[in-house]
PDB file of N, CA and C in Angstrom:
ATOM      1  N   MET A   1       4.494  51.878 -57.854  1.00  0.00           N
ATOM      2  CA  MET A   1       4.109  50.774 -58.797  1.00  0.00           C
ATOM      3  C   MET A   1       4.102  49.490 -58.029  1.00  0.00           C
ATOM      4  N   ALA A   2       3.042  48.778 -58.033  1.00  0.00           N
ATOM      5  CA  ALA A   2       2.905  47.470 -57.285  1.00  0.00           C
ATOM      6  C   ALA A   2       3.599  46.395 -58.047  1.00  0.00           C
ATOM      7  N   ARG A   3       4.226  45.503 -57.262  1.00  0.00           N
ATOM      8  CA  ARG A   3       4.910  44.286 -57.885  1.00  0.00           C
ATOM      9  C   ARG A   3       3.817  43.294 -58.226  1.00  0.00           C
ATOM     10  N   ASP A   4       4.095  42.563 -59.357  1.00  0.00           N
ATOM     11  CA  ASP A   4       3.246  41.503 -59.753  1.00  0.00           C
ATOM     12  C   ASP A   4       3.451  40.206 -58.896  1.00  0.00           C
ATOM     13  N   TYR A   5       4.667  40.132 -58.388  1.00  0.00           N
ATOM     14  CA  TYR A   5       5.028  38.909 -57.682  1.00  0.00           C
ATOM     15  C   TYR A   5       5.486  39.349 -56.287  1.00  0.00           C
ATOM     16  N   SER A   6       4.556  39.330 -55.311  1.00  0.00           N
ATOM     17  CA  SER A   6       4.833  39.889 -53.947  1.00  0.00           C
ATOM     18  C   SER A   6       5.785  38.992 -53.218  1.00  0.00           C
ATOM     19  N   ARG A   7       6.280  39.566 -52.067  1.00  0.00           N
ATOM     20  CA  ARG A   7       7.226  38.782 -51.221  1.00  0.00           C
ATOM     21  C   ARG A   7       6.487  37.581 -50.625  1.00  0.00           C
ATOM     22  N   THR A   8       5.250  37.698 -50.198  1.00  0.00           N
ATOM     23  CA  THR A   8       4.565  36.531 -49.696  1.00  0.00           C
ATOM     24  C   THR A   8       4.406  35.457 -50.697  1.00  0.00           C
ATOM     25  N   ASP A   9       4.210  35.818 -51.999  1.00  0.00           N
ATOM     26  CA  ASP A   9       4.116  34.771 -53.069  1.00  0.00           C
ATOM     27  C   ASP A   9       5.476  34.094 -53.288  1.00  0.00           C
ATOM     28  N   ARG A  10       6.519  34.888 -53.208  1.00  0.00           N
ATOM     29  CA  ARG A  10       7.887  34.289 -53.373  1.00  0.00           C
ATOM     30  C   ARG A  10       8.187  33.365 -52.199  1.00  0.00           C
ATOM     31  N   ILE A  11       7.882  33.752 -51.009  1.00  0.00           N
ATOM     32  CA  ILE A  11       8.159  32.912 -49.860  1.00  0.00           C
ATOM     33  C   ILE A  11       7.230  31.649 -49.868  1.00  0.00           C
ATOM     34  N   ALA A  12       6.014  31.841 -50.259  1.00  0.00           N
ATOM     35  CA  ALA A  12       5.090  30.680 -50.350  1.00  0.00           C
ATOM     36  C   ALA A  12       5.622  29.613 -51.391  1.00  0.00           C
ATOM     37  N   ASP A  13       6.152  30.136 -52.558  1.00  0.00           N
ATOM     38  CA  ASP A  13       6.697  29.228 -53.559  1.00  0.00           C
ATOM     39  C   ASP A  13       7.949  28.519 -52.997  1.00  0.00           C
ATOM     40  N   GLN A  14       8.753  29.214 -52.267  1.00  0.00           N
ATOM     41  CA  GLN A  14       9.992  28.590 -51.671  1.00  0.00           C
ATOM     42  C   GLN A  14       9.600  27.578 -50.639  1.00  0.00           C
ATOM     43  N   ILE A  15       8.589  27.850 -49.837  1.00  0.00           N
ATOM     44  CA  ILE A  15       8.109  26.873 -48.855  1.00  0.00           C
ATOM     45  C   ILE A  15       7.508  25.603 -49.582  1.00  0.00           C
ATOM     46  N   GLN A  16       6.785  25.865 -50.700  1.00  0.00           N
ATOM     47  CA  GLN A  16       6.252  24.741 -51.425  1.00  0.00           C
ATOM     48  C   GLN A  16       7.402  23.832 -51.912  1.00  0.00           C
ATOM     49  N   ARG A  17       8.373  24.406 -52.513  1.00  0.00           N
ATOM     50  CA  ARG A  17       9.502  23.619 -53.069  1.00  0.00           C
ATOM     51  C   ARG A  17      10.200  22.840 -51.933  1.00  0.00           C
ATOM     52  N   GLU A  18      10.489  23.512 -50.826  1.00  0.00           N
ATOM     53  CA  GLU A  18      11.228  22.868 -49.702  1.00  0.00           C
ATOM     54  C   GLU A  18      10.393  21.785 -49.046  1.00  0.00           C
ATOM     55  N   LEU A  19       9.121  22.048 -48.843  1.00  0.00           N
ATOM     56  CA  LEU A  19       8.232  20.999 -48.218  1.00  0.00           C
ATOM     57  C   LEU A  19       8.110  19.788 -49.131  1.00  0.00           C
ATOM     58  N   ALA A  20       8.026  20.028 -50.433  1.00  0.00           N
ATOM     59  CA  ALA A  20       7.874  18.902 -51.365  1.00  0.00           C
ATOM     60  C   ALA A  20       9.152  17.981 -51.191  1.00  0.00           C
ATOM     61  N   LEU A  21      10.319  18.595 -51.144  1.00  0.00           N
ATOM     62  CA  LEU A  21      11.577  17.816 -51.003  1.00  0.00           C
ATOM     63  C   LEU A  21      11.611  17.125 -49.630  1.00  0.00           C
ATOM     64  N   LEU A  22      11.261  17.864 -48.632  1.00  0.00           N
ATOM     65  CA  LEU A  22      11.290  17.279 -47.244  1.00  0.00           C
ATOM     66  C   LEU A  22      10.357  16.097 -47.126  1.00  0.00           C
ATOM     67  N   ILE A  23       9.141  16.219 -47.635  1.00  0.00           N
ATOM     68  CA  ILE A  23       8.126  15.113 -47.524  1.00  0.00           C
ATOM     69  C   ILE A  23       8.677  13.937 -48.327  1.00  0.00           C
ATOM     70  N   GLN A  24       9.228  14.166 -49.474  1.00  0.00           N
ATOM     71  CA  GLN A  24       9.724  13.087 -50.280  1.00  0.00           C
ATOM     72  C   GLN A  24      10.973  12.361 -49.742  1.00  0.00           C
ATOM     73  N   GLN A  25      11.862  13.138 -49.177  1.00  0.00           N
ATOM     74  CA  GLN A  25      13.137  12.555 -48.749  1.00  0.00           C
ATOM     75  C   GLN A  25      13.231  12.275 -47.252  1.00  0.00           C
ATOM     76  N   GLU A  26      12.541  12.992 -46.396  1.00  0.00           N
ATOM     77  CA  GLU A  26      12.763  12.800 -44.991  1.00  0.00           C
ATOM     78  C   GLU A  26      11.714  12.006 -44.252  1.00  0.00           C
ATOM     79  N   ILE A  27      10.448  12.042 -44.694  1.00  0.00           N
ATOM     80  CA  ILE A  27       9.404  11.354 -43.971  1.00  0.00           C
ATOM     81  C   ILE A  27       9.339   9.845 -44.441  1.00  0.00           C
ATOM     82  N   ARG A  28       9.557   9.026 -43.509  1.00  0.00           N
ATOM     83  CA  ARG A  28       9.628   7.540 -43.898  1.00  0.00           C
ATOM     84  C   ARG A  28       8.369   6.777 -43.499  1.00  0.00           C
ATOM     85  N   ASP A  29       7.280   7.435 -43.229  1.00  0.00           N
ATOM     86  CA  ASP A  29       6.056   6.769 -42.729  1.00  0.00           C
ATOM     87  C   ASP A  29       5.382   6.060 -43.951  1.00  0.00           C
ATOM     88  N   PRO A  30       5.201   4.776 -43.921  1.00  0.00           N
ATOM     89  CA  PRO A  30       4.560   4.112 -45.067  1.00  0.00           C
ATOM     90  C   PRO A  30       3.075   4.469 -45.283  1.00  0.00           C
ATOM     91  N   ARG A  31       2.438   4.974 -44.259  1.00  0.00           N
ATOM     92  CA  ARG A  31       1.046   5.371 -44.358  1.00  0.00           C
ATOM     93  C   ARG A  31       0.867   6.640 -45.204  1.00  0.00           C
ATOM     94  N   LEU A  32       1.912   7.362 -45.415  1.00  0.00           N
ATOM     95  CA  LEU A  32       1.869   8.605 -46.194  1.00  0.00           C
ATOM     96  C   LEU A  32       1.427   8.408 -47.631  1.00  0.00           C
ATOM     97  N   GLY A  33       1.964   7.378 -48.314  1.00  0.00           N
ATOM     98  CA  GLY A  33       1.614   7.172 -49.702  1.00  0.00           C
ATOM     99  C   GLY A  33       2.105   8.211 -50.625  1.00  0.00           C
ATOM    100  N   MET A  34       1.488   8.408 -51.755  1.00  0.00           N
ATOM    101  CA  MET A  34       1.872   9.376 -52.818  1.00  0.00           C
ATOM    102  C   MET A  34       1.253  10.729 -52.471  1.00  0.00           C
ATOM    103  N   VAL A  35       2.058  11.725 -52.030  1.00  0.00           N
ATOM    104  CA  VAL A  35       1.561  12.949 -51.630  1.00  0.00           C
ATOM    105  C   VAL A  35       2.243  13.976 -52.474  1.00  0.00           C
ATOM    106  N   THR A  36       1.529  14.979 -52.979  1.00  0.00           N
ATOM    107  CA  THR A  36       2.072  16.097 -53.731  1.00  0.00           C
ATOM    108  C   THR A  36       1.715  17.450 -53.126  1.00  0.00           C
ATOM    109  N   VAL A  37       2.669  18.285 -52.879  1.00  0.00           N
ATOM    110  CA  VAL A  37       2.383  19.582 -52.427  1.00  0.00           C
ATOM    111  C   VAL A  37       1.961  20.464 -53.652  1.00  0.00           C
ATOM    112  N   SER A  38       0.705  20.741 -53.727  1.00  0.00           N
ATOM    113  CA  SER A  38       0.214  21.435 -54.945  1.00  0.00           C
ATOM    114  C   SER A  38       0.256  22.930 -54.817  1.00  0.00           C
ATOM    115  N   ALA A  39       0.107  23.491 -53.572  1.00  0.00           N
ATOM    116  CA  ALA A  39       0.149  24.906 -53.424  1.00  0.00           C
ATOM    117  C   ALA A  39       0.341  25.304 -51.966  1.00  0.00           C
ATOM    118  N   VAL A  40       0.847  26.511 -51.713  1.00  0.00           N
ATOM    119  CA  VAL A  40       1.005  27.042 -50.407  1.00  0.00           C
ATOM    120  C   VAL A  40       0.463  28.466 -50.400  1.00  0.00           C
ATOM    121  N   GLU A  41      -0.479  28.727 -49.499  1.00  0.00           N
ATOM    122  CA  GLU A  41      -1.064  30.072 -49.300  1.00  0.00           C
ATOM    123  C   GLU A  41      -0.468  30.594 -48.012  1.00  0.00           C
ATOM    124  N   LEU A  42       0.109  31.753 -48.072  1.00  0.00           N
ATOM    125  CA  LEU A  42       0.820  32.324 -46.915  1.00  0.00           C
ATOM    126  C   LEU A  42      -0.008  33.581 -46.460  1.00  0.00           C
ATOM    127  N   SER A  43      -0.235  33.702 -45.209  1.00  0.00           N
ATOM    128  CA  SER A  43      -0.956  34.875 -44.710  1.00  0.00           C
ATOM    129  C   SER A  43      -0.011  36.153 -44.902  1.00  0.00           C
ATOM    130  N   ARG A  44      -0.577  37.266 -44.879  1.00  0.00           N
ATOM    131  CA  ARG A  44       0.143  38.555 -45.170  1.00  0.00           C
ATOM    132  C   ARG A  44       1.222  38.716 -44.100  1.00  0.00           C
ATOM    133  N   ASP A  45       0.882  38.336 -42.847  1.00  0.00           N
ATOM    134  CA  ASP A  45       1.864  38.566 -41.735  1.00  0.00           C
ATOM    135  C   ASP A  45       2.885  37.414 -41.627  1.00  0.00           C
ATOM    136  N   LEU A  46       2.803  36.477 -42.591  1.00  0.00           N
ATOM    137  CA  LEU A  46       3.731  35.263 -42.616  1.00  0.00           C
ATOM    138  C   LEU A  46       3.621  34.407 -41.368  1.00  0.00           C
ATOM    139  N   ALA A  47       2.449  34.409 -40.701  1.00  0.00           N
ATOM    140  CA  ALA A  47       2.287  33.608 -39.501  1.00  0.00           C
ATOM    141  C   ALA A  47       1.768  32.204 -39.785  1.00  0.00           C
ATOM    142  N   VAL A  48       0.962  32.102 -40.838  1.00  0.00           N
ATOM    143  CA  VAL A  48       0.253  30.822 -41.106  1.00  0.00           C
ATOM    144  C   VAL A  48       0.505  30.504 -42.602  1.00  0.00           C
ATOM    145  N   ALA A  49       0.876  29.293 -42.845  1.00  0.00           N
ATOM    146  CA  ALA A  49       0.990  28.760 -44.222  1.00  0.00           C
ATOM    147  C   ALA A  49       0.039  27.612 -44.379  1.00  0.00           C
ATOM    148  N   LYS A  50      -0.936  27.773 -45.312  1.00  0.00           N
ATOM    149  CA  LYS A  50      -1.856  26.747 -45.636  1.00  0.00           C
ATOM    150  C   LYS A  50      -1.324  25.923 -46.728  1.00  0.00           C
ATOM    151  N   VAL A  51      -0.959  24.682 -46.488  1.00  0.00           N
ATOM    152  CA  VAL A  51      -0.272  23.835 -47.408  1.00  0.00           C
ATOM    153  C   VAL A  51      -1.331  22.881 -48.005  1.00  0.00           C
ATOM    154  N   PHE A  52      -1.529  22.996 -49.310  1.00  0.00           N
ATOM    155  CA  PHE A  52      -2.479  22.164 -50.052  1.00  0.00           C
ATOM    156  C   PHE A  52      -1.762  20.933 -50.570  1.00  0.00           C
ATOM    157  N   VAL A  53      -2.222  19.756 -50.160  1.00  0.00           N
ATOM    158  CA  VAL A  53      -1.652  18.523 -50.670  1.00  0.00           C
ATOM    159  C   VAL A  53      -2.676  17.650 -51.343  1.00  0.00           C
ATOM    160  N   SER A  54      -2.301  17.051 -52.419  1.00  0.00           N
ATOM    161  CA  SER A  54      -3.089  16.122 -53.127  1.00  0.00           C
ATOM    162  C   SER A  54      -2.559  14.743 -52.861  1.00  0.00           C
ATOM    163  N   VAL A  55      -3.456  13.776 -52.643  1.00  0.00           N
ATOM    164  CA  VAL A  55      -3.104  12.433 -52.299  1.00  0.00           C
ATOM    165  C   VAL A  55      -3.614  11.435 -53.271  1.00  0.00           C
ATOM    166  N   LEU A  56      -2.790  10.570 -53.742  1.00  0.00           N
ATOM    167  CA  LEU A  56      -3.226   9.505 -54.678  1.00  0.00           C
ATOM    168  C   LEU A  56      -3.997   8.452 -53.868  1.00  0.00           C
ATOM    169  N   GLY A  57      -5.203   8.255 -54.178  1.00  0.00           N
ATOM    170  CA  GLY A  57      -5.978   7.230 -53.473  1.00  0.00           C
ATOM    171  C   GLY A  57      -7.347   7.753 -53.112  1.00  0.00           C
ATOM    172  N   ASP A  58      -8.037   7.019 -52.186  1.00  0.00           N
ATOM    173  CA  ASP A  58      -9.395   7.400 -51.811  1.00  0.00           C
ATOM    174  C   ASP A  58      -9.405   8.383 -50.666  1.00  0.00           C
ATOM    175  N   ALA A  59     -10.560   8.663 -50.134  1.00  0.00           N
ATOM    176  CA  ALA A  59     -10.749   9.657 -49.104  1.00  0.00           C
ATOM    177  C   ALA A  59     -10.097   9.212 -47.781  1.00  0.00           C
ATOM    178  N   GLU A  60     -10.141   7.919 -47.555  1.00  0.00           N
ATOM    179  CA  GLU A  60      -9.541   7.355 -46.350  1.00  0.00           C
ATOM    180  C   GLU A  60      -8.034   7.475 -46.342  1.00  0.00           C
ATOM    181  N   GLN A  61      -7.417   7.284 -47.466  1.00  0.00           N
ATOM    182  CA  GLN A  61      -5.940   7.423 -47.619  1.00  0.00           C
ATOM    183  C   GLN A  61      -5.567   8.886 -47.482  1.00  0.00           C
ATOM    184  N   ALA A  62      -6.423   9.798 -47.959  1.00  0.00           N
ATOM    185  CA  ALA A  62      -6.109  11.208 -47.851  1.00  0.00           C
ATOM    186  C   ALA A  62      -6.194  11.598 -46.356  1.00  0.00           C
ATOM    187  N   LYS A  63      -7.206  11.074 -45.682  1.00  0.00           N
ATOM    188  CA  LYS A  63      -7.357  11.434 -44.225  1.00  0.00           C
ATOM    189  C   LYS A  63      -6.148  10.915 -43.452  1.00  0.00           C
ATOM    190  N   THR A  64      -5.713   9.735 -43.763  1.00  0.00           N
ATOM    191  CA  THR A  64      -4.550   9.162 -43.097  1.00  0.00           C
ATOM    192  C   THR A  64      -3.273   9.955 -43.416  1.00  0.00           C
ATOM    193  N   ALA A  65      -3.099  10.302 -44.658  1.00  0.00           N
ATOM    194  CA  ALA A  65      -1.893  11.078 -45.036  1.00  0.00           C
ATOM    195  C   ALA A  65      -1.881  12.494 -44.388  1.00  0.00           C
ATOM    196  N   LEU A  66      -3.072  13.128 -44.270  1.00  0.00           N
ATOM    197  CA  LEU A  66      -3.153  14.426 -43.562  1.00  0.00           C
ATOM    198  C   LEU A  66      -2.845  14.231 -42.063  1.00  0.00           C
ATOM    199  N   ALA A  67      -3.281  13.127 -41.524  1.00  0.00           N
ATOM    200  CA  ALA A  67      -2.923  12.943 -40.079  1.00  0.00           C
ATOM    201  C   ALA A  67      -1.368  12.743 -39.898  1.00  0.00           C
ATOM    202  N   VAL A  68      -0.763  12.015 -40.830  1.00  0.00           N
ATOM    203  CA  VAL A  68       0.678  11.818 -40.733  1.00  0.00           C
ATOM    204  C   VAL A  68       1.359  13.122 -40.876  1.00  0.00           C
ATOM    205  N   LEU A  69       0.943  13.936 -41.872  1.00  0.00           N
ATOM    206  CA  LEU A  69       1.574  15.291 -42.049  1.00  0.00           C
ATOM    207  C   LEU A  69       1.392  16.163 -40.896  1.00  0.00           C
ATOM    208  N   LYS A  70       0.223  16.165 -40.331  1.00  0.00           N
ATOM    209  CA  LYS A  70      -0.025  16.984 -39.115  1.00  0.00           C
ATOM    210  C   LYS A  70       0.860  16.548 -37.994  1.00  0.00           C
ATOM    211  N   LYS A  71       1.068  15.258 -37.812  1.00  0.00           N
ATOM    212  CA  LYS A  71       1.948  14.788 -36.792  1.00  0.00           C
ATOM    213  C   LYS A  71       3.428  15.164 -37.039  1.00  0.00           C
ATOM    214  N   ALA A  72       3.749  15.135 -38.300  1.00  0.00           N
ATOM    215  CA  ALA A  72       5.145  15.501 -38.655  1.00  0.00           C
ATOM    216  C   ALA A  72       5.319  16.992 -38.878  1.00  0.00           C
ATOM    217  N   GLY A  73       4.326  17.753 -38.605  1.00  0.00           N
ATOM    218  CA  GLY A  73       4.410  19.220 -38.817  1.00  0.00           C
ATOM    219  C   GLY A  73       5.501  19.921 -38.081  1.00  0.00           C
ATOM    220  N   GLY A  74       5.737  19.545 -36.833  1.00  0.00           N
ATOM    221  CA  GLY A  74       6.771  20.123 -36.076  1.00  0.00           C
ATOM    222  C   GLY A  74       8.139  19.825 -36.635  1.00  0.00           C
ATOM    223  N   PHE A  75       8.383  18.592 -37.091  1.00  0.00           N
ATOM    224  CA  PHE A  75       9.608  18.240 -37.642  1.00  0.00           C
ATOM    225  C   PHE A  75       9.813  18.988 -38.985  1.00  0.00           C
ATOM    226  N   LEU A  76       8.741  19.017 -39.832  1.00  0.00           N
ATOM    227  CA  LEU A  76       8.817  19.699 -41.085  1.00  0.00           C
ATOM    228  C   LEU A  76       9.152  21.184 -40.892  1.00  0.00           C
ATOM    229  N   ARG A  77       8.535  21.834 -39.931  1.00  0.00           N
ATOM    230  CA  ARG A  77       8.736  23.229 -39.626  1.00  0.00           C
ATOM    231  C   ARG A  77      10.211  23.414 -39.195  1.00  0.00           C
ATOM    232  N   HIS A  78      10.729  22.535 -38.374  1.00  0.00           N
ATOM    233  CA  HIS A  78      12.069  22.682 -37.918  1.00  0.00           C
ATOM    234  C   HIS A  78      13.066  22.545 -39.074  1.00  0.00           C
ATOM    235  N   GLU A  79      12.870  21.509 -39.903  1.00  0.00           N
ATOM    236  CA  GLU A  79      13.700  21.351 -41.083  1.00  0.00           C
ATOM    237  C   GLU A  79      13.586  22.520 -42.069  1.00  0.00           C
ATOM    238  N   LEU A  80      12.411  23.034 -42.184  1.00  0.00           N
ATOM    239  CA  LEU A  80      12.176  24.187 -43.058  1.00  0.00           C
ATOM    240  C   LEU A  80      13.001  25.397 -42.551  1.00  0.00           C
ATOM    241  N   GLY A  81      13.058  25.515 -41.231  1.00  0.00           N
ATOM    242  CA  GLY A  81      13.799  26.635 -40.611  1.00  0.00           C
ATOM    243  C   GLY A  81      15.298  26.453 -40.842  1.00  0.00           C
ATOM    244  N   ARG A  82      15.758  25.247 -40.965  1.00  0.00           N
ATOM    245  CA  ARG A  82      17.213  25.029 -41.260  1.00  0.00           C
ATOM    246  C   ARG A  82      17.500  25.360 -42.688  1.00  0.00           C
ATOM    247  N   ARG A  83      16.562  25.219 -43.603  1.00  0.00           N
ATOM    248  CA  ARG A  83      16.783  25.464 -45.087  1.00  0.00           C
ATOM    249  C   ARG A  83      16.498  26.823 -45.512  1.00  0.00           C
ATOM    250  N   MET A  84      15.588  27.501 -44.724  1.00  0.00           N
ATOM    251  CA  MET A  84      15.222  28.914 -45.154  1.00  0.00           C
ATOM    252  C   MET A  84      15.663  29.821 -44.048  1.00  0.00           C
ATOM    253  N   ILE A  85      16.107  31.027 -44.442  1.00  0.00           N
ATOM    254  CA  ILE A  85      16.542  31.972 -43.411  1.00  0.00           C
ATOM    255  C   ILE A  85      15.358  32.954 -43.258  1.00  0.00           C
ATOM    256  N   MET A  86      14.651  32.792 -42.139  1.00  0.00           N
ATOM    257  CA  MET A  86      13.528  33.665 -41.843  1.00  0.00           C
ATOM    258  C   MET A  86      13.466  33.899 -40.314  1.00  0.00           C
ATOM    259  N   ARG A  87      13.064  35.051 -39.910  1.00  0.00           N
ATOM    260  CA  ARG A  87      12.962  35.325 -38.479  1.00  0.00           C
ATOM    261  C   ARG A  87      11.926  34.448 -37.884  1.00  0.00           C
ATOM    262  N   VAL A  88      10.750  34.449 -38.419  1.00  0.00           N
ATOM    263  CA  VAL A  88       9.696  33.645 -37.841  1.00  0.00           C
ATOM    264  C   VAL A  88       9.178  32.701 -38.936  1.00  0.00           C
ATOM    265  N   LEU A  89       9.107  31.396 -38.605  1.00  0.00           N
ATOM    266  CA  LEU A  89       8.578  30.489 -39.563  1.00  0.00           C
ATOM    267  C   LEU A  89       7.127  30.349 -39.372  1.00  0.00           C
ATOM    268  N   PRO A  90       6.324  30.261 -40.438  1.00  0.00           N
ATOM    269  CA  PRO A  90       4.865  30.117 -40.331  1.00  0.00           C
ATOM    270  C   PRO A  90       4.408  28.779 -39.764  1.00  0.00           C
ATOM    271  N   GLU A  91       3.285  28.821 -39.141  1.00  0.00           N
ATOM    272  CA  GLU A  91       2.681  27.585 -38.673  1.00  0.00           C
ATOM    273  C   GLU A  91       2.157  26.867 -39.923  1.00  0.00           C
ATOM    274  N   LEU A  92       2.352  25.554 -39.966  1.00  0.00           N
ATOM    275  CA  LEU A  92       1.995  24.799 -41.133  1.00  0.00           C
ATOM    276  C   LEU A  92       0.575  24.111 -40.885  1.00  0.00           C
ATOM    277  N   ARG A  93      -0.354  24.455 -41.807  1.00  0.00           N
ATOM    278  CA  ARG A  93      -1.667  23.781 -41.751  1.00  0.00           C
ATOM    279  C   ARG A  93      -1.842  23.026 -43.032  1.00  0.00           C
ATOM    280  N   PHE A  94      -2.050  21.703 -42.973  1.00  0.00           N
ATOM    281  CA  PHE A  94      -2.178  20.899 -44.105  1.00  0.00           C
ATOM    282  C   PHE A  94      -3.663  20.746 -44.466  1.00  0.00           C
ATOM    283  N   VAL A  95      -3.941  20.948 -45.857  1.00  0.00           N
ATOM    284  CA  VAL A  95      -5.343  20.855 -46.308  1.00  0.00           C
ATOM    285  C   VAL A  95      -5.314  19.971 -47.548  1.00  0.00           C
ATOM    286  N   HIS A  96      -6.355  19.069 -47.590  1.00  0.00           N
ATOM    287  CA  HIS A  96      -6.411  18.161 -48.734  1.00  0.00           C
ATOM    288  C   HIS A  96      -6.910  18.993 -49.959  1.00  0.00           C
ATOM    289  N   ASP A  97      -6.165  18.889 -51.054  1.00  0.00           N
ATOM    290  CA  ASP A  97      -6.535  19.624 -52.225  1.00  0.00           C
ATOM    291  C   ASP A  97      -7.288  18.658 -53.189  1.00  0.00           C
ATOM    292  N   THR A  98      -8.551  18.989 -53.438  1.00  0.00           N
ATOM    293  CA  THR A  98      -9.373  18.158 -54.281  1.00  0.00           C
ATOM    294  C   THR A  98      -9.477  18.692 -55.729  1.00  0.00           C
ATOM    295  N   SER A  99      -8.720  19.694 -56.118  1.00  0.00           N
ATOM    296  CA  SER A  99      -8.834  20.259 -57.436  1.00  0.00           C
ATOM    297  C   SER A  99      -8.515  19.291 -58.575  1.00  0.00           C
ATOM    298  N   THR A 100      -7.491  18.427 -58.331  1.00  0.00           N
ATOM    299  CA  THR A 100      -7.133  17.504 -59.407  1.00  0.00           C
ATOM    300  C   THR A 100      -8.310  16.482 -59.587  1.00  0.00           C
ATOM    301  N   GLU A 101      -8.859  16.017 -58.497  1.00  0.00           N
ATOM    302  CA  GLU A 101     -10.005  15.033 -58.560  1.00  0.00           C
ATOM    303  C   GLU A 101     -11.175  15.759 -59.251  1.00  0.00           C
ATOM    304  N   ARG A 102     -11.472  16.909 -58.929  1.00  0.00           N
ATOM    305  CA  ARG A 102     -12.551  17.693 -59.486  1.00  0.00           C
ATOM    306  C   ARG A 102     -12.361  17.920 -60.994  1.00  0.00           C
ATOM    307  N   GLY A 103     -11.137  18.226 -61.373  1.00  0.00           N
ATOM    308  CA  GLY A 103     -10.744  18.381 -62.765  1.00  0.00           C
ATOM    309  C   GLY A 103     -10.957  17.165 -63.538  1.00  0.00           C
ATOM    310  N   SER A 104     -10.497  16.008 -63.062  1.00  0.00           N
ATOM    311  CA  SER A 104     -10.641  14.791 -63.804  1.00  0.00           C
ATOM    312  C   SER A 104     -12.155  14.372 -63.910  1.00  0.00           C
ATOM    313  N   HIS A 105     -12.937  14.696 -62.895  1.00  0.00           N
ATOM    314  CA  HIS A 105     -14.351  14.421 -62.957  1.00  0.00           C
ATOM    315  C   HIS A 105     -14.969  15.243 -64.018  1.00  0.00           C
ATOM    316  N   LEU A 106     -14.606  16.554 -64.056  1.00  0.00           N
ATOM    317  CA  LEU A 106     -15.198  17.458 -65.048  1.00  0.00           C
ATOM    318  C   LEU A 106     -14.790  17.070 -66.467  1.00  0.00           C
ATOM    319  N   SER A 107     -13.544  16.597 -66.611  1.00  0.00           N
ATOM    320  CA  SER A 107     -13.061  16.157 -67.928  1.00  0.00           C
ATOM    321  C   SER A 107     -13.841  14.898 -68.419  1.00  0.00           C
ATOM    322  N   ALA A 108     -14.133  13.979 -67.460  1.00  0.00           N
ATOM    323  CA  ALA A 108     -14.894  12.821 -67.817  1.00  0.00           C
ATOM    324  C   ALA A 108     -16.316  13.161 -68.250  1.00  0.00           C
ATOM    325  N   LEU A 109     -16.936  14.173 -67.537  1.00  0.00           N
ATOM    326  CA  LEU A 109     -18.232  14.630 -67.904  1.00  0.00           C
ATOM    327  C   LEU A 109     -18.258  15.250 -69.284  1.00  0.00           C
ATOM    328  N   ILE A 110     -17.229  16.002 -69.554  1.00  0.00           N
ATOM    329  CA  ILE A 110     -17.158  16.670 -70.919  1.00  0.00           C
ATOM    330  C   ILE A 110     -16.939  15.640 -71.994  1.00  0.00           C
ATOM    331  N   GLU A 111     -16.106  14.658 -71.772  1.00  0.00           N
ATOM    332  CA  GLU A 111     -15.927  13.537 -72.699  1.00  0.00           C
ATOM    333  C   GLU A 111     -17.141  12.797 -72.963  1.00  0.00           C
ATOM    334  N   GLN A 112     -17.917  12.512 -71.853  1.00  0.00           N
ATOM    335  CA  GLN A 112     -19.189  11.815 -71.969  1.00  0.00           C
ATOM    336  C   GLN A 112     -20.233  12.629 -72.769  1.00  0.00           C
ATOM    337  N   ALA A 113     -20.263  13.924 -72.618  1.00  0.00           N
ATOM    338  CA  ALA A 113     -21.193  14.775 -73.421  1.00  0.00           C
ATOM    339  C   ALA A 113     -20.830  14.803 -74.816  1.00  0.00           C
ATOM    340  N   VAL A 114     -19.536  14.878 -75.142  1.00  0.00           N
ATOM    341  CA  VAL A 114     -19.098  14.908 -76.517  1.00  0.00           C
ATOM    342  C   VAL A 114     -19.400  13.565 -77.215  1.00  0.00           C
ATOM    343  N   ALA A 115     -19.151  12.444 -76.478  1.00  0.00           N
ATOM    344  CA  ALA A 115     -19.520  11.121 -77.060  1.00  0.00           C
ATOM    345  C   ALA A 115     -20.988  11.022 -77.263  1.00  0.00           C
ATOM    346  N   ASN A 116     -21.821  11.528 -76.405  1.00  0.00           N
ATOM    347  CA  ASN A 116     -23.311  11.453 -76.628  1.00  0.00           C
ATOM    348  C   ASN A 116     -23.673  12.338 -77.799  1.00  0.00           C
ATOM    349  N   ASP A 117     -23.065  13.537 -77.944  1.00  0.00           N
ATOM    350  CA  ASP A 117     -23.339  14.325 -79.174  1.00  0.00           C
ATOM    351  C   ASP A 117     -23.002  13.651 -80.438  1.00  0.00           C
ATOM    352  N   ARG A 118     -21.819  12.976 -80.471  1.00  0.00           N
ATOM    353  CA  ARG A 118     -21.394  12.268 -81.677  1.00  0.00           C
ATOM    354  C   ARG A 118     -22.320  11.108 -81.974  1.00  0.00           C
ATOM    355  N   LYS A 119     -22.781  10.457 -80.937  1.00  0.00           N
ATOM    356  CA  LYS A 119     -23.685   9.348 -81.174  1.00  0.00           C
ATOM    357  C   LYS A 119     -24.964   9.818 -81.703  1.00  0.00           C
ATOM    358  N   GLU A 120     -25.532  10.904 -81.125  1.00  0.00           N
ATOM    359  CA  GLU A 120     -26.806  11.472 -81.642  1.00  0.00           C
ATOM    360  C   GLU A 120     -26.608  11.967 -83.080  1.00  0.00           C
ATOM    361  N   GLU A 121     -25.432  12.537 -83.362  1.00  0.00           N
ATOM    362  CA  GLU A 121     -25.181  13.087 -84.689  1.00  0.00           C
ATOM    363  C   GLU A 121     -25.111  11.925 -85.727  1.00  0.00           C
ATOM    364  N   SER A 122     -24.533  10.812 -85.352  1.00  0.00           N
ATOM    365  CA  SER A 122     -24.379   9.741 -86.313  1.00  0.00           C
ATOM    366  C   SER A 122     -25.730   9.001 -86.489  1.00  0.00           C
ATOM    367  N   GLU A 123     -26.580   9.121 -85.527  1.00  0.00           N
ATOM    368  CA  GLU A 123     -27.969   8.431 -85.665  1.00  0.00           C
ATOM    369  C   GLU A 123     -28.813   9.256 -86.607  1.00  0.00           C
ATOM    370  N   ASP A 124     -28.579  10.538 -86.739  1.00  0.00           N
ATOM    371  CA  ASP A 124     -29.417  11.430 -87.591  1.00  0.00           C
ATOM    372  C   ASP A 124     -29.085  11.348 -89.026  1.00  0.00           C
TER     373      ASP A 124
END
């Protein structure tokens, strides 16, 4: 019987929680801004962790925040190793997560369509 919640999923969730705390508490770079760790995808062999981060601001701020996180990747990996007991720690790859921006854009489009429908309905 297969498990619904695999070991890689549990480790990815733990990495997400620990990285969120580390970024919030330990990184003091003012260029980082408001960063949220939205998800972590871990490869099956636990060698690579793709860390999805959402950044409050425009594309330039997101690019700067990703550069800061990439530079701090070694420190974050080291601190992650101190907090988690694993034989091999995965390589951290930071990726900008645009799902929240896409979601708010789609919500705005839906609201606009509903408003247009109500306007046309009231005119009839």
